[in-house]
N, C-alpha and C. Protein backbone atom coordinates (compact mmCIF):
# COMPACT_ATOMS: atom_id res chain seq x y z
N MET A 1 -20.05 -42.37 -244.59
CA MET A 1 -20.92 -42.92 -243.57
C MET A 1 -21.08 -41.88 -242.47
N ILE A 2 -22.28 -41.44 -242.21
CA ILE A 2 -22.53 -40.44 -241.19
C ILE A 2 -23.32 -41.08 -240.06
N PHE A 3 -22.83 -40.91 -238.83
CA PHE A 3 -23.48 -41.45 -237.65
C PHE A 3 -23.92 -40.32 -236.75
N ALA A 4 -25.07 -40.48 -236.14
CA ALA A 4 -25.41 -39.59 -235.03
C ALA A 4 -24.53 -40.01 -233.87
N LEU A 5 -24.28 -39.12 -232.94
CA LEU A 5 -23.36 -39.40 -231.83
C LEU A 5 -23.79 -40.65 -231.06
N ALA A 6 -25.08 -40.83 -230.85
CA ALA A 6 -25.57 -41.98 -230.09
C ALA A 6 -25.44 -43.28 -230.89
N GLU A 7 -25.34 -43.18 -232.22
CA GLU A 7 -25.29 -44.37 -233.05
C GLU A 7 -23.88 -44.83 -233.37
N TRP A 8 -22.85 -44.10 -232.91
CA TRP A 8 -21.48 -44.47 -233.24
C TRP A 8 -21.16 -45.84 -232.68
N PRO A 9 -20.54 -46.69 -233.48
CA PRO A 9 -20.07 -47.96 -232.93
C PRO A 9 -18.98 -47.70 -231.89
N GLN A 10 -19.00 -48.45 -230.81
CA GLN A 10 -18.05 -48.25 -229.72
C GLN A 10 -16.61 -48.44 -230.21
N SER A 11 -16.39 -49.41 -231.10
CA SER A 11 -15.02 -49.67 -231.57
C SER A 11 -14.49 -48.49 -232.37
N LEU A 12 -15.34 -47.83 -233.15
CA LEU A 12 -14.91 -46.66 -233.92
C LEU A 12 -14.55 -45.53 -232.98
N HIS A 13 -15.36 -45.34 -231.95
CA HIS A 13 -15.08 -44.29 -230.97
C HIS A 13 -13.74 -44.53 -230.30
N ASN A 14 -13.46 -45.77 -229.88
CA ASN A 14 -12.20 -46.09 -229.23
C ASN A 14 -11.02 -45.91 -230.17
N ALA A 15 -11.19 -46.26 -231.42
CA ALA A 15 -10.10 -46.12 -232.38
C ALA A 15 -9.74 -44.65 -232.58
N ILE A 16 -10.73 -43.79 -232.57
CA ILE A 16 -10.47 -42.37 -232.74
C ILE A 16 -9.82 -41.79 -231.49
N MET A 17 -10.25 -42.25 -230.31
CA MET A 17 -9.76 -41.68 -229.06
C MET A 17 -8.34 -42.13 -228.71
N VAL A 18 -7.85 -43.19 -229.33
CA VAL A 18 -6.53 -43.71 -228.99
C VAL A 18 -5.44 -42.72 -229.37
N GLU A 19 -5.57 -42.09 -230.51
CA GLU A 19 -4.53 -41.17 -230.97
C GLU A 19 -4.57 -39.88 -230.15
N LYS A 20 -3.47 -39.61 -229.46
CA LYS A 20 -3.35 -38.37 -228.70
C LYS A 20 -2.43 -37.44 -229.47
N HIS A 21 -2.92 -36.26 -229.75
CA HIS A 21 -2.12 -35.28 -230.46
C HIS A 21 -1.68 -34.20 -229.47
N PRO A 22 -0.48 -33.66 -229.67
CA PRO A 22 -0.07 -32.58 -228.78
C PRO A 22 -0.97 -31.37 -228.96
N LYS A 23 -1.18 -30.68 -227.88
CA LYS A 23 -2.05 -29.51 -227.93
C LYS A 23 -1.37 -28.40 -228.71
N ARG A 24 -2.05 -27.86 -229.65
CA ARG A 24 -1.53 -26.77 -230.48
C ARG A 24 -2.32 -25.51 -230.19
N PRO A 25 -1.69 -24.35 -230.36
CA PRO A 25 -2.42 -23.10 -230.11
C PRO A 25 -3.55 -22.90 -231.13
N ARG A 26 -4.64 -22.32 -230.66
CA ARG A 26 -5.78 -22.08 -231.55
C ARG A 26 -5.63 -20.76 -232.30
N ASP A 27 -4.87 -19.86 -231.72
CA ASP A 27 -4.65 -18.57 -232.36
C ASP A 27 -3.71 -18.76 -233.56
N PHE A 28 -4.06 -18.15 -234.69
CA PHE A 28 -3.29 -18.35 -235.92
C PHE A 28 -1.86 -17.85 -235.77
N SER A 29 -1.67 -16.69 -235.17
CA SER A 29 -0.31 -16.14 -235.06
C SER A 29 0.56 -16.98 -234.13
N LEU A 30 -0.02 -17.50 -233.05
CA LEU A 30 0.75 -18.35 -232.14
C LEU A 30 1.09 -19.69 -232.81
N ALA A 31 0.15 -20.21 -233.60
CA ALA A 31 0.41 -21.45 -234.32
C ALA A 31 1.52 -21.24 -235.36
N ALA A 32 1.51 -20.11 -236.04
CA ALA A 32 2.55 -19.80 -237.02
C ALA A 32 3.91 -19.68 -236.34
N LYS A 33 3.95 -19.04 -235.18
CA LYS A 33 5.21 -18.91 -234.44
C LYS A 33 5.72 -20.29 -234.02
N LEU A 34 4.83 -21.17 -233.59
CA LEU A 34 5.23 -22.51 -233.20
C LEU A 34 5.83 -23.26 -234.38
N VAL A 35 5.22 -23.14 -235.55
CA VAL A 35 5.74 -23.81 -236.75
C VAL A 35 7.13 -23.30 -237.08
N VAL A 36 7.34 -21.99 -236.99
CA VAL A 36 8.66 -21.40 -237.26
C VAL A 36 9.67 -21.88 -236.23
N ASP A 37 9.29 -21.92 -234.96
CA ASP A 37 10.20 -22.37 -233.91
C ASP A 37 10.60 -23.83 -234.11
N ILE A 38 9.65 -24.68 -234.51
CA ILE A 38 9.95 -26.08 -234.76
C ILE A 38 10.87 -26.21 -235.98
N ALA A 39 10.57 -25.45 -237.03
CA ALA A 39 11.37 -25.52 -238.26
C ALA A 39 12.79 -25.02 -238.04
N SER A 40 12.96 -24.03 -237.17
CA SER A 40 14.30 -23.47 -236.94
C SER A 40 15.07 -24.25 -235.88
N GLY A 41 14.42 -25.23 -235.23
CA GLY A 41 15.10 -26.05 -234.24
C GLY A 41 15.11 -25.47 -232.84
N GLN A 42 14.39 -24.38 -232.61
CA GLN A 42 14.35 -23.79 -231.28
C GLN A 42 13.51 -24.63 -230.32
N ILE A 43 12.51 -25.33 -230.88
CA ILE A 43 11.66 -26.22 -230.10
C ILE A 43 11.68 -27.58 -230.78
N GLU A 44 11.83 -28.65 -229.98
CA GLU A 44 11.80 -29.99 -230.55
C GLU A 44 10.36 -30.51 -230.55
N ASP A 45 9.95 -31.05 -231.67
CA ASP A 45 8.59 -31.57 -231.81
C ASP A 45 8.66 -33.10 -231.85
N ARG A 46 8.93 -33.70 -230.67
CA ARG A 46 9.04 -35.15 -230.58
C ARG A 46 8.61 -35.59 -229.19
N LYS A 47 8.39 -36.88 -229.06
CA LYS A 47 8.04 -37.43 -227.75
C LYS A 47 9.30 -37.57 -226.92
N LEU A 48 9.17 -37.37 -225.62
CA LEU A 48 10.30 -37.56 -224.71
C LEU A 48 10.56 -39.05 -224.52
N THR A 49 11.83 -39.41 -224.38
CA THR A 49 12.17 -40.80 -224.11
C THR A 49 11.88 -41.11 -222.65
N ALA A 50 11.90 -42.38 -222.30
CA ALA A 50 11.61 -42.80 -220.93
C ALA A 50 12.62 -42.19 -219.95
N GLU A 51 13.90 -42.15 -220.36
CA GLU A 51 14.92 -41.59 -219.48
C GLU A 51 14.69 -40.10 -219.26
N GLU A 52 14.27 -39.40 -220.32
CA GLU A 52 14.00 -37.96 -220.19
C GLU A 52 12.79 -37.69 -219.31
N GLN A 53 11.88 -38.65 -219.22
CA GLN A 53 10.70 -38.50 -218.37
C GLN A 53 11.00 -38.91 -216.93
N GLY A 54 12.21 -39.39 -216.66
CA GLY A 54 12.60 -39.78 -215.31
C GLY A 54 12.20 -41.19 -214.95
N LYS A 55 11.97 -42.04 -215.94
CA LYS A 55 11.59 -43.42 -215.67
C LYS A 55 12.83 -44.31 -215.66
N ASP A 56 12.74 -45.39 -214.93
CA ASP A 56 13.82 -46.35 -214.86
C ASP A 56 13.86 -47.16 -216.15
N PRO A 57 14.99 -47.17 -216.88
CA PRO A 57 15.06 -47.89 -218.15
C PRO A 57 14.78 -49.39 -218.02
N MET A 58 15.19 -49.99 -216.90
CA MET A 58 14.94 -51.41 -216.71
C MET A 58 13.44 -51.68 -216.55
N ALA A 59 12.74 -50.81 -215.85
CA ALA A 59 11.30 -50.98 -215.67
C ALA A 59 10.57 -50.79 -217.00
N VAL A 60 11.04 -49.86 -217.81
CA VAL A 60 10.43 -49.63 -219.12
C VAL A 60 10.62 -50.87 -219.99
N ALA A 61 11.82 -51.45 -219.96
CA ALA A 61 12.09 -52.66 -220.75
C ALA A 61 11.22 -53.82 -220.28
N LEU A 62 11.02 -53.95 -218.97
CA LEU A 62 10.17 -55.00 -218.44
C LEU A 62 8.73 -54.82 -218.92
N GLY A 63 8.27 -53.58 -218.94
CA GLY A 63 6.91 -53.31 -219.42
C GLY A 63 6.74 -53.61 -220.88
N ARG A 64 7.76 -53.37 -221.68
CA ARG A 64 7.67 -53.66 -223.11
C ARG A 64 7.61 -55.15 -223.39
N ARG A 65 8.29 -55.94 -222.56
CA ARG A 65 8.28 -57.39 -222.75
C ARG A 65 6.96 -58.00 -222.31
N GLY A 66 6.15 -57.24 -221.63
CA GLY A 66 4.87 -57.76 -221.18
C GLY A 66 4.99 -58.57 -219.90
N GLY A 67 5.91 -58.18 -219.03
CA GLY A 67 6.07 -58.87 -217.76
C GLY A 67 4.82 -58.76 -216.92
N LEU A 68 4.64 -59.70 -216.01
CA LEU A 68 3.46 -59.70 -215.17
C LEU A 68 3.55 -58.57 -214.16
N LYS A 69 2.44 -57.88 -213.97
CA LYS A 69 2.38 -56.77 -213.03
C LYS A 69 1.12 -56.89 -212.20
N GLY A 70 1.15 -56.30 -211.05
CA GLY A 70 -0.04 -56.18 -210.22
C GLY A 70 -0.69 -57.49 -209.87
N GLY A 71 -2.00 -57.55 -210.11
CA GLY A 71 -2.78 -58.73 -209.74
C GLY A 71 -2.37 -59.98 -210.49
N ALA A 72 -1.94 -59.82 -211.74
CA ALA A 72 -1.52 -60.99 -212.51
C ALA A 72 -0.27 -61.61 -211.90
N ALA A 73 0.67 -60.78 -211.45
CA ALA A 73 1.89 -61.29 -210.81
C ALA A 73 1.54 -61.97 -209.49
N ARG A 74 0.61 -61.38 -208.74
CA ARG A 74 0.21 -61.95 -207.46
C ARG A 74 -0.47 -63.30 -207.68
N ALA A 75 -1.35 -63.38 -208.67
CA ALA A 75 -2.07 -64.63 -208.95
C ALA A 75 -1.11 -65.73 -209.42
N ALA A 76 -0.07 -65.35 -210.14
CA ALA A 76 0.89 -66.35 -210.63
C ALA A 76 1.65 -66.99 -209.48
N LYS A 77 1.83 -66.25 -208.38
CA LYS A 77 2.57 -66.77 -207.23
C LYS A 77 1.69 -67.62 -206.31
N MET A 78 0.37 -67.51 -206.43
CA MET A 78 -0.55 -68.19 -205.52
C MET A 78 -0.89 -69.59 -206.00
N THR A 79 -1.21 -70.45 -205.06
CA THR A 79 -1.70 -71.78 -205.41
C THR A 79 -3.18 -71.67 -205.78
N ALA A 80 -3.73 -72.73 -206.33
CA ALA A 80 -5.15 -72.73 -206.72
C ALA A 80 -6.03 -72.51 -205.48
N GLU A 81 -5.67 -73.10 -204.37
CA GLU A 81 -6.44 -72.94 -203.13
C GLU A 81 -6.40 -71.49 -202.64
N GLN A 82 -5.23 -70.87 -202.71
CA GLN A 82 -5.11 -69.48 -202.28
C GLN A 82 -5.92 -68.56 -203.19
N ARG A 83 -5.90 -68.81 -204.51
CA ARG A 83 -6.69 -68.00 -205.44
C ARG A 83 -8.18 -68.14 -205.15
N ARG A 84 -8.63 -69.36 -204.86
CA ARG A 84 -10.04 -69.60 -204.55
C ARG A 84 -10.44 -68.84 -203.29
N GLU A 85 -9.63 -68.90 -202.25
CA GLU A 85 -9.93 -68.20 -201.01
C GLU A 85 -9.97 -66.68 -201.22
N SER A 86 -9.04 -66.19 -202.01
CA SER A 86 -9.00 -64.75 -202.30
C SER A 86 -10.26 -64.32 -203.07
N ALA A 87 -10.68 -65.15 -204.03
CA ALA A 87 -11.87 -64.83 -204.81
C ALA A 87 -13.12 -64.85 -203.94
N GLN A 88 -13.20 -65.81 -203.03
CA GLN A 88 -14.35 -65.86 -202.13
C GLN A 88 -14.39 -64.63 -201.22
N LYS A 89 -13.24 -64.24 -200.71
CA LYS A 89 -13.17 -63.05 -199.85
C LYS A 89 -13.60 -61.80 -200.62
N ALA A 90 -13.16 -61.67 -201.87
CA ALA A 90 -13.53 -60.52 -202.69
C ALA A 90 -15.03 -60.51 -202.97
N ALA A 91 -15.61 -61.68 -203.25
CA ALA A 91 -17.04 -61.77 -203.54
C ALA A 91 -17.85 -61.39 -202.30
N LYS A 92 -17.43 -61.87 -201.13
CA LYS A 92 -18.14 -61.50 -199.90
C LYS A 92 -18.08 -60.01 -199.65
N SER A 93 -16.92 -59.42 -199.94
CA SER A 93 -16.76 -57.97 -199.76
C SER A 93 -17.68 -57.19 -200.71
N ARG A 94 -17.77 -57.64 -201.97
CA ARG A 94 -18.65 -56.97 -202.92
C ARG A 94 -20.11 -57.08 -202.51
N TRP A 95 -20.55 -58.27 -202.06
CA TRP A 95 -21.93 -58.46 -201.66
C TRP A 95 -22.25 -57.63 -200.41
N ALA A 96 -21.28 -57.48 -199.52
CA ALA A 96 -21.51 -56.69 -198.30
C ALA A 96 -21.73 -55.22 -198.63
N ARG A 97 -21.03 -54.72 -199.65
CA ARG A 97 -21.19 -53.31 -200.04
C ARG A 97 -22.54 -53.06 -200.69
N GLU A 98 -23.05 -54.03 -201.44
CA GLU A 98 -24.32 -53.85 -202.17
C GLU A 98 -25.51 -53.88 -201.23
N ASN A 99 -25.43 -54.59 -200.14
CA ASN A 99 -26.58 -54.72 -199.25
C ASN A 99 -26.57 -53.69 -198.17
C-alpha cells in the first residue's frame, strides 16, 4: 500500500512516530565502531532506569499505577459547584482573548 504524504492516515502516522530509536552514527566506520563497542561491553546499549535518570522511585511507581495528576487530581478534589465556577471562569478567559 503506497500513500502520498498528504494521504497518510493519521493513525498510521502516529503509530510510526511512537517508536523512538536511539540516534546512530551515519558514517559507516563510526557505526562499525559502535557495534564493536556494544559487543565488547565497553558501551551499554539499553535504556536507563528511573533511578539512573535521577527520578524518584516512588513518583515513578505512582505514575505507572495511573494515579491522578495535574488537572484531574484538582478536579477530583473539587465539588460540582466549584468545577462549574472554574469552567465558567476559563470560558470567559478564552472568549476575552478571542475578542
